[in-house]
Amino acid sequence: MNRAWAYVLLGTVFEVCWVIGLKHSYNFLTWTGTTIAIIFSFALLILATNKLPVGTVYAVFTGLGASGTVLMEMLVFGEPFKMLKIILILVLLAGVMGLKLVTGKPKSEGGVH
């Protein structure tokens, strides 16, 4: 189970990379990096959903990805810092953590789904 969450977190890092790459890519090399990040991001997401509930994984993946993208844009690319953005990111992260905490164990293989 912990490995699956590691896949989600690593996939989120690649998600932030490709989302930023969509905005800032300008040549073959940067577009290639963006494409590779997309592939790794979704491959890790798929691996995580083999062990964890799809809805929870997707919510955590997109929530952390959106938060990471906003933070990186502010810290690295000069996007204006707004306290409301930080507060909303914290609310989003609280919801993501809440989803992770209430996620039960997946049903056993071969059982009724």
N, C-alpha and C. Protein backbone atom coordinates (compact mmCIF):
# COMPACT_ATOMS: atom_id res chain seq x y z
N MET A 1 0.83 -1.20 0.00
CA MET A 1 0.00 0.00 0.00
C MET A 1 0.87 1.26 0.00
N ASN A 2 1.94 1.29 0.78
CA ASN A 2 2.80 2.47 0.82
C ASN A 2 3.48 2.71 -0.52
N ARG A 3 3.82 1.64 -1.22
CA ARG A 3 4.44 1.79 -2.54
C ARG A 3 3.45 2.46 -3.50
N ALA A 4 2.19 2.11 -3.39
CA ALA A 4 1.17 2.71 -4.25
C ALA A 4 1.08 4.21 -4.00
N TRP A 5 1.14 4.62 -2.74
CA TRP A 5 1.11 6.06 -2.43
C TRP A 5 2.38 6.74 -2.91
N ALA A 6 3.50 6.04 -2.88
CA ALA A 6 4.74 6.60 -3.43
C ALA A 6 4.58 6.83 -4.94
N TYR A 7 3.89 5.91 -5.63
CA TYR A 7 3.62 6.10 -7.05
C TYR A 7 2.78 7.36 -7.28
N VAL A 8 1.79 7.57 -6.42
CA VAL A 8 0.95 8.77 -6.55
C VAL A 8 1.80 10.03 -6.37
N LEU A 9 2.63 10.05 -5.34
CA LEU A 9 3.44 11.24 -5.08
C LEU A 9 4.45 11.50 -6.21
N LEU A 10 5.12 10.45 -6.67
CA LEU A 10 6.07 10.62 -7.76
C LEU A 10 5.35 11.01 -9.05
N GLY A 11 4.20 10.41 -9.28
CA GLY A 11 3.41 10.79 -10.45
C GLY A 11 2.98 12.25 -10.40
N THR A 12 2.72 12.74 -9.20
CA THR A 12 2.34 14.13 -9.02
C THR A 12 3.50 15.06 -9.39
N VAL A 13 4.71 14.67 -9.03
CA VAL A 13 5.88 15.48 -9.40
C VAL A 13 5.98 15.58 -10.92
N PHE A 14 5.80 14.45 -11.60
CA PHE A 14 5.83 14.47 -13.07
C PHE A 14 4.65 15.27 -13.63
N GLU A 15 3.51 15.23 -12.95
CA GLU A 15 2.36 16.03 -13.40
C GLU A 15 2.69 17.51 -13.37
N VAL A 16 3.26 17.96 -12.26
CA VAL A 16 3.64 19.38 -12.15
C VAL A 16 4.61 19.74 -13.29
N CYS A 17 5.55 18.85 -13.57
CA CYS A 17 6.52 19.11 -14.64
C CYS A 17 5.85 19.24 -16.00
N TRP A 18 4.91 18.34 -16.31
CA TRP A 18 4.31 18.43 -17.63
C TRP A 18 3.32 19.57 -17.76
N VAL A 19 2.63 19.89 -16.68
CA VAL A 19 1.70 21.03 -16.75
C VAL A 19 2.48 22.32 -16.98
N ILE A 20 3.57 22.49 -16.25
CA ILE A 20 4.41 23.67 -16.46
C ILE A 20 5.05 23.62 -17.85
N GLY A 21 5.42 22.41 -18.28
CA GLY A 21 5.99 22.26 -19.61
C GLY A 21 5.04 22.67 -20.71
N LEU A 22 3.75 22.44 -20.53
CA LEU A 22 2.78 22.85 -21.55
C LEU A 22 2.81 24.35 -21.77
N LYS A 23 3.07 25.10 -20.71
CA LYS A 23 3.10 26.55 -20.82
C LYS A 23 4.46 27.07 -21.29
N HIS A 24 5.53 26.43 -20.84
CA HIS A 24 6.85 27.01 -21.03
C HIS A 24 7.72 26.30 -22.07
N SER A 25 7.25 25.23 -22.70
CA SER A 25 8.06 24.55 -23.71
C SER A 25 8.15 25.41 -24.97
N TYR A 26 9.34 25.41 -25.57
CA TYR A 26 9.56 26.28 -26.72
C TYR A 26 10.39 25.64 -27.83
N ASN A 27 10.94 24.44 -27.59
CA ASN A 27 11.73 23.79 -28.64
C ASN A 27 11.55 22.27 -28.53
N PHE A 28 12.22 21.55 -29.40
CA PHE A 28 12.06 20.10 -29.43
C PHE A 28 12.43 19.46 -28.09
N LEU A 29 13.52 19.90 -27.50
CA LEU A 29 13.99 19.30 -26.25
C LEU A 29 12.99 19.51 -25.11
N THR A 30 12.48 20.73 -24.96
CA THR A 30 11.53 20.98 -23.87
C THR A 30 10.20 20.27 -24.12
N TRP A 31 9.77 20.18 -25.37
CA TRP A 31 8.54 19.45 -25.67
C TRP A 31 8.73 17.95 -25.46
N THR A 32 9.92 17.45 -25.74
CA THR A 32 10.21 16.03 -25.48
C THR A 32 10.16 15.75 -23.98
N GLY A 33 10.75 16.63 -23.19
CA GLY A 33 10.70 16.48 -21.73
C GLY A 33 9.27 16.51 -21.21
N THR A 34 8.47 17.40 -21.76
CA THR A 34 7.06 17.49 -21.37
C THR A 34 6.33 16.19 -21.71
N THR A 35 6.57 15.65 -22.89
CA THR A 35 5.94 14.41 -23.31
C THR A 35 6.35 13.24 -22.41
N ILE A 36 7.62 13.17 -22.09
CA ILE A 36 8.11 12.12 -21.20
C ILE A 36 7.47 12.24 -19.82
N ALA A 37 7.35 13.47 -19.33
CA ALA A 37 6.71 13.69 -18.03
C ALA A 37 5.24 13.24 -18.05
N ILE A 38 4.54 13.49 -19.15
CA ILE A 38 3.15 13.04 -19.27
C ILE A 38 3.09 11.51 -19.19
N ILE A 39 3.97 10.85 -19.92
CA ILE A 39 3.97 9.38 -19.94
C ILE A 39 4.25 8.82 -18.55
N PHE A 40 5.29 9.32 -17.89
CA PHE A 40 5.62 8.83 -16.56
C PHE A 40 4.51 9.14 -15.55
N SER A 41 3.95 10.33 -15.65
CA SER A 41 2.90 10.74 -14.73
C SER A 41 1.72 9.77 -14.78
N PHE A 42 1.23 9.49 -15.98
CA PHE A 42 0.07 8.62 -16.09
C PHE A 42 0.41 7.15 -15.86
N ALA A 43 1.62 6.74 -16.20
CA ALA A 43 2.02 5.36 -15.91
C ALA A 43 2.04 5.13 -14.40
N LEU A 44 2.57 6.08 -13.65
CA LEU A 44 2.59 5.95 -12.19
C LEU A 44 1.18 6.01 -11.61
N LEU A 45 0.33 6.83 -12.19
CA LEU A 45 -1.07 6.90 -11.76
C LEU A 45 -1.75 5.55 -11.97
N ILE A 46 -1.52 4.94 -13.09
CA ILE A 46 -2.11 3.62 -13.39
C ILE A 46 -1.59 2.57 -12.41
N LEU A 47 -0.29 2.58 -12.13
CA LEU A 47 0.27 1.63 -11.16
C LEU A 47 -0.37 1.81 -9.79
N ALA A 48 -0.58 3.05 -9.38
CA ALA A 48 -1.18 3.31 -8.07
C ALA A 48 -2.61 2.79 -7.99
N THR A 49 -3.35 2.90 -9.10
CA THR A 49 -4.75 2.46 -9.07
C THR A 49 -4.90 0.95 -9.06
N ASN A 50 -3.80 0.23 -9.25
CA ASN A 50 -3.87 -1.23 -9.11
C ASN A 50 -4.06 -1.64 -7.65
N LYS A 51 -3.66 -0.78 -6.72
CA LYS A 51 -3.73 -1.12 -5.29
C LYS A 51 -4.66 -0.19 -4.49
N LEU A 52 -4.96 0.98 -5.03
CA LEU A 52 -5.76 1.97 -4.31
C LEU A 52 -7.02 2.32 -5.09
N PRO A 53 -8.05 2.82 -4.42
CA PRO A 53 -9.28 3.22 -5.11
C PRO A 53 -9.03 4.33 -6.13
N VAL A 54 -9.57 4.17 -7.31
CA VAL A 54 -9.34 5.10 -8.40
C VAL A 54 -9.75 6.53 -8.03
N GLY A 55 -10.92 6.69 -7.45
CA GLY A 55 -11.41 8.03 -7.12
C GLY A 55 -10.49 8.76 -6.15
N THR A 56 -10.03 8.06 -5.14
CA THR A 56 -9.14 8.66 -4.16
C THR A 56 -7.80 9.01 -4.79
N VAL A 57 -7.25 8.09 -5.57
CA VAL A 57 -5.96 8.34 -6.23
C VAL A 57 -6.07 9.55 -7.14
N TYR A 58 -7.12 9.61 -7.93
CA TYR A 58 -7.26 10.73 -8.87
C TYR A 58 -7.43 12.05 -8.13
N ALA A 59 -8.21 12.06 -7.06
CA ALA A 59 -8.40 13.29 -6.29
C ALA A 59 -7.08 13.76 -5.67
N VAL A 60 -6.32 12.84 -5.10
CA VAL A 60 -5.03 13.19 -4.50
C VAL A 60 -4.07 13.66 -5.60
N PHE A 61 -4.02 12.93 -6.68
CA PHE A 61 -3.13 13.23 -7.81
C PHE A 61 -3.40 14.64 -8.36
N THR A 62 -4.64 14.94 -8.64
CA THR A 62 -4.96 16.24 -9.22
C THR A 62 -4.86 17.37 -8.19
N GLY A 63 -5.24 17.08 -6.95
CA GLY A 63 -5.14 18.10 -5.91
C GLY A 63 -3.70 18.50 -5.64
N LEU A 64 -2.85 17.51 -5.45
CA LEU A 64 -1.43 17.81 -5.22
C LEU A 64 -0.79 18.41 -6.47
N GLY A 65 -1.19 17.93 -7.64
CA GLY A 65 -0.65 18.47 -8.88
C GLY A 65 -1.02 19.93 -9.08
N ALA A 66 -2.28 20.27 -8.81
CA ALA A 66 -2.71 21.66 -8.94
C ALA A 66 -1.99 22.54 -7.94
N SER A 67 -1.88 22.06 -6.71
CA SER A 67 -1.19 22.83 -5.67
C SER A 67 0.27 23.04 -6.02
N GLY A 68 0.92 21.97 -6.45
CA GLY A 68 2.34 22.05 -6.82
C GLY A 68 2.56 22.98 -8.00
N THR A 69 1.66 22.93 -8.97
CA THR A 69 1.80 23.79 -10.14
C THR A 69 1.67 25.26 -9.76
N VAL A 70 0.68 25.59 -8.95
CA VAL A 70 0.49 26.98 -8.52
C VAL A 70 1.71 27.46 -7.72
N LEU A 71 2.19 26.62 -6.81
CA LEU A 71 3.36 27.01 -6.01
C LEU A 71 4.60 27.19 -6.88
N MET A 72 4.84 26.28 -7.81
CA MET A 72 6.01 26.40 -8.69
C MET A 72 5.91 27.64 -9.57
N GLU A 73 4.73 27.93 -10.06
CA GLU A 73 4.57 29.14 -10.88
C GLU A 73 4.90 30.39 -10.06
N MET A 74 4.50 30.41 -8.80
CA MET A 74 4.80 31.57 -7.95
C MET A 74 6.28 31.63 -7.58
N LEU A 75 6.86 30.48 -7.21
CA LEU A 75 8.23 30.46 -6.72
C LEU A 75 9.28 30.55 -7.83
N VAL A 76 9.01 29.96 -8.97
CA VAL A 76 10.03 29.86 -10.02
C VAL A 76 9.77 30.81 -11.19
N PHE A 77 8.50 30.98 -11.55
CA PHE A 77 8.20 31.70 -12.78
C PHE A 77 7.59 33.09 -12.56
N GLY A 78 7.63 33.59 -11.35
CA GLY A 78 7.23 34.97 -11.09
C GLY A 78 5.75 35.26 -11.10
N GLU A 79 4.93 34.23 -10.98
CA GLU A 79 3.48 34.45 -10.86
C GLU A 79 3.25 35.26 -9.58
N PRO A 80 2.35 36.25 -9.61
CA PRO A 80 2.13 37.07 -8.40
C PRO A 80 1.69 36.23 -7.19
N PHE A 81 2.29 36.51 -6.06
CA PHE A 81 1.94 35.85 -4.79
C PHE A 81 0.67 36.48 -4.26
N LYS A 82 -0.33 35.65 -3.98
CA LYS A 82 -1.58 36.13 -3.38
C LYS A 82 -1.93 35.22 -2.22
N MET A 83 -2.20 35.83 -1.08
CA MET A 83 -2.51 35.05 0.12
C MET A 83 -3.74 34.18 -0.10
N LEU A 84 -4.71 34.66 -0.86
CA LEU A 84 -5.91 33.87 -1.11
C LEU A 84 -5.56 32.56 -1.84
N LYS A 85 -4.60 32.61 -2.76
CA LYS A 85 -4.16 31.39 -3.44
C LYS A 85 -3.60 30.38 -2.43
N ILE A 86 -2.79 30.86 -1.50
CA ILE A 86 -2.20 29.98 -0.49
C ILE A 86 -3.28 29.38 0.39
N ILE A 87 -4.23 30.18 0.81
CA ILE A 87 -5.33 29.68 1.65
C ILE A 87 -6.13 28.62 0.90
N LEU A 88 -6.43 28.87 -0.37
CA LEU A 88 -7.20 27.91 -1.15
C LEU A 88 -6.40 26.62 -1.39
N ILE A 89 -5.09 26.73 -1.57
CA ILE A 89 -4.26 25.53 -1.69
C ILE A 89 -4.31 24.73 -0.40
N LEU A 90 -4.25 25.41 0.75
CA LEU A 90 -4.32 24.71 2.03
C LEU A 90 -5.66 24.01 2.21
N VAL A 91 -6.74 24.65 1.79
CA VAL A 91 -8.06 24.01 1.86
C VAL A 91 -8.10 22.78 0.95
N LEU A 92 -7.55 22.91 -0.25
CA LEU A 92 -7.48 21.79 -1.18
C LEU A 92 -6.67 20.64 -0.59
N LEU A 93 -5.52 20.95 -0.02
CA LEU A 93 -4.68 19.92 0.58
C LEU A 93 -5.35 19.26 1.78
N ALA A 94 -6.11 20.03 2.55
CA ALA A 94 -6.85 19.45 3.68
C ALA A 94 -7.86 18.42 3.16
N GLY A 95 -8.53 18.75 2.07
CA GLY A 95 -9.47 17.80 1.48
C GLY A 95 -8.78 16.56 0.95
N VAL A 96 -7.64 16.73 0.33
CA VAL A 96 -6.87 15.60 -0.19
C VAL A 96 -6.42 14.69 0.96
N MET A 97 -5.89 15.29 2.02
CA MET A 97 -5.46 14.49 3.17
C MET A 97 -6.65 13.79 3.82
N GLY A 98 -7.78 14.48 3.89
CA GLY A 98 -8.98 13.86 4.44
C GLY A 98 -9.41 12.65 3.63
N LEU A 99 -9.35 12.75 2.31
CA LEU A 99 -9.69 11.60 1.46
C LEU A 99 -8.76 10.43 1.72
N LYS A 100 -7.47 10.72 1.86
CA LYS A 100 -6.52 9.65 2.11
C LYS A 100 -6.80 8.98 3.46
N LEU A 101 -7.14 9.77 4.45
CA LEU A 101 -7.39 9.23 5.79
C LEU A 101 -8.64 8.35 5.85
N VAL A 102 -9.66 8.69 5.08
CA VAL A 102 -10.90 7.92 5.15
C VAL A 102 -10.97 6.78 4.14
N THR A 103 -9.94 6.66 3.31
CA THR A 103 -9.92 5.57 2.33
C THR A 103 -9.73 4.25 3.04
N GLY A 104 -10.69 3.36 2.85
CA GLY A 104 -10.60 2.03 3.45
C GLY A 104 -9.68 1.14 2.65
N LYS A 105 -9.48 -0.06 3.18
CA LYS A 105 -8.68 -1.05 2.46
C LYS A 105 -9.46 -1.53 1.26
N PRO A 106 -8.76 -1.77 0.13
CA PRO A 106 -9.48 -2.27 -1.04
C PRO A 106 -10.01 -3.68 -0.81
N LYS A 107 -11.08 -4.00 -1.52
CA LYS A 107 -11.66 -5.34 -1.41
C LYS A 107 -10.69 -6.35 -1.95
N SER A 108 -10.74 -7.56 -1.41
CA SER A 108 -9.81 -8.61 -1.83
C SER A 108 -10.09 -9.03 -3.27
N GLU A 109 -9.05 -9.53 -3.92
CA GLU A 109 -9.18 -10.02 -5.28
C GLU A 109 -10.15 -11.18 -5.32
N GLY A 110 -10.94 -11.25 -6.36
CA GLY A 110 -11.87 -12.36 -6.54
C GLY A 110 -13.18 -12.15 -5.82
N GLY A 111 -13.26 -11.09 -5.02
CA GLY A 111 -14.51 -10.82 -4.31
C GLY A 111 -15.49 -10.07 -5.18
N VAL A 112 -16.64 -9.79 -4.65
CA VAL A 112 -17.64 -9.04 -5.37
C VAL A 112 -17.24 -7.58 -5.34
N HIS A 113 -17.25 -6.93 -6.51
CA HIS A 113 -16.85 -5.52 -6.60
C HIS A 113 -18.04 -4.64 -6.76
